[in-house]
Amino acid sequence: MNLYRDLVGTFGVVAIGIGIALIVRTAIAGGGVGIVIGLLFIALGAGRLYLLRRRKN
């Protein structure tokens, strides 16, 4: 189960990173739908990390 938790944690961090990159890239390009998609990726990653931490206890 340790490998699973590590992979889920890594996925959460990567999703947050992708979300931040999308927001930055979209802001540089002048705005658009990418900001919303970036926020959704950040929420996805944060949700996975939250559930992982909650399940650990």
C-alpha atoms as a PDB file:
ATOM      1  CA  MET A   1       0.000   0.000   0.000  1.00  0.00           C
ATOM      2  CA  ASN A   2       2.957   2.356   0.399  1.00  0.00           C
ATOM      3  CA  LEU A   3       3.519   2.479  -3.359  1.00  0.00           C
ATOM      4  CA  TYR A   4      -0.142   3.369  -3.897  1.00  0.00           C
ATOM      5  CA  ARG A   5       0.008   6.218  -1.392  1.00  0.00           C
ATOM      6  CA  ASP A   6       3.230   7.504  -2.894  1.00  0.00           C
ATOM      7  CA  LEU A   7       1.752   7.466  -6.390  1.00  0.00           C
ATOM      8  CA  VAL A   8      -1.450   9.178  -5.276  1.00  0.00           C
ATOM      9  CA  GLY A   9       0.585  11.842  -3.482  1.00  0.00           C
ATOM     10  CA  THR A  10       2.777  12.338  -6.536  1.00  0.00           C
ATOM     11  CA  PHE A  11      -0.298  12.615  -8.752  1.00  0.00           C
ATOM     12  CA  GLY A  12      -1.742  15.274  -6.450  1.00  0.00           C
ATOM     13  CA  VAL A  13       1.427  17.350  -6.523  1.00  0.00           C
ATOM     14  CA  VAL A  14       1.769  16.990 -10.309  1.00  0.00           C
ATOM     15  CA  ALA A  15      -1.873  18.028 -10.820  1.00  0.00           C
ATOM     16  CA  ILE A  16      -1.298  21.146  -8.713  1.00  0.00           C
ATOM     17  CA  GLY A  17       1.841  21.925 -10.719  1.00  0.00           C
ATOM     18  CA  ILE A  18      -0.032  21.545 -14.001  1.00  0.00           C
ATOM     19  CA  GLY A  19      -2.773  23.818 -12.714  1.00  0.00           C
ATOM     20  CA  ILE A  20      -0.307  26.529 -11.733  1.00  0.00           C
ATOM     21  CA  ALA A  21       1.448  26.231 -15.086  1.00  0.00           C
ATOM     22  CA  LEU A  22      -1.875  26.544 -16.932  1.00  0.00           C
ATOM     23  CA  ILE A  23      -2.829  29.649 -14.983  1.00  0.00           C
ATOM     24  CA  VAL A  24       0.557  31.299 -15.550  1.00  0.00           C
ATOM     25  CA  ARG A  25       0.611  30.416 -19.249  1.00  0.00           C
ATOM     26  CA  THR A  26      -2.946  31.655 -19.744  1.00  0.00           C
ATOM     27  CA  ALA A  27      -2.274  34.880 -17.846  1.00  0.00           C
ATOM     28  CA  ILE A  28       0.785  35.547 -20.026  1.00  0.00           C
ATOM     29  CA  ALA A  29      -1.313  34.944 -23.139  1.00  0.00           C
ATOM     30  CA  GLY A  30      -3.931  37.443 -21.993  1.00  0.00           C
ATOM     31  CA  GLY A  31      -6.468  35.342 -20.089  1.00  0.00           C
ATOM     32  CA  GLY A  32      -9.147  32.897 -21.056  1.00  0.00           C
ATOM     33  CA  VAL A  33     -10.598  29.515 -20.196  1.00  0.00           C
ATOM     34  CA  GLY A  34      -7.180  28.158 -19.179  1.00  0.00           C
ATOM     35  CA  ILE A  35      -7.482  29.932 -15.835  1.00  0.00           C
ATOM     36  CA  VAL A  36     -10.617  27.995 -14.974  1.00  0.00           C
ATOM     37  CA  ILE A  37      -9.073  24.729 -16.119  1.00  0.00           C
ATOM     38  CA  GLY A  38      -5.963  25.522 -14.063  1.00  0.00           C
ATOM     39  CA  LEU A  39      -8.088  26.130 -10.978  1.00  0.00           C
ATOM     40  CA  LEU A  40      -9.832  22.809 -11.557  1.00  0.00           C
ATOM     41  CA  PHE A  41      -6.480  21.013 -11.759  1.00  0.00           C
ATOM     42  CA  ILE A  42      -5.378  22.663  -8.514  1.00  0.00           C
ATOM     43  CA  ALA A  43      -8.634  21.609  -6.859  1.00  0.00           C
ATOM     44  CA  LEU A  44      -8.161  18.051  -8.155  1.00  0.00           C
ATOM     45  CA  GLY A  45      -4.646  17.806  -6.753  1.00  0.00           C
ATOM     46  CA  ALA A  46      -5.558  19.398  -3.441  1.00  0.00           C
ATOM     47  CA  GLY A  47      -8.549  17.088  -3.109  1.00  0.00           C
ATOM     48  CA  ARG A  48      -6.418  14.004  -3.698  1.00  0.00           C
ATOM     49  CA  LEU A  49      -3.849  15.143  -1.134  1.00  0.00           C
ATOM     50  CA  TYR A  50      -6.607  15.952   1.364  1.00  0.00           C
ATOM     51  CA  LEU A  51      -8.219  12.544   0.965  1.00  0.00           C
ATOM     52  CA  LEU A  52      -4.855  10.812   1.169  1.00  0.00           C
ATOM     53  CA  ARG A  53      -3.995  12.591   4.407  1.00  0.00           C
ATOM     54  CA  ARG A  54      -7.466  11.999   5.839  1.00  0.00           C
ATOM     55  CA  ARG A  55      -7.268   8.287   5.053  1.00  0.00           C
ATOM     56  CA  LYS A  56      -3.818   7.979   6.628  1.00  0.00           C
ATOM     57  CA  ASN A  57      -5.127   8.810  10.110  1.00  0.00           C
END
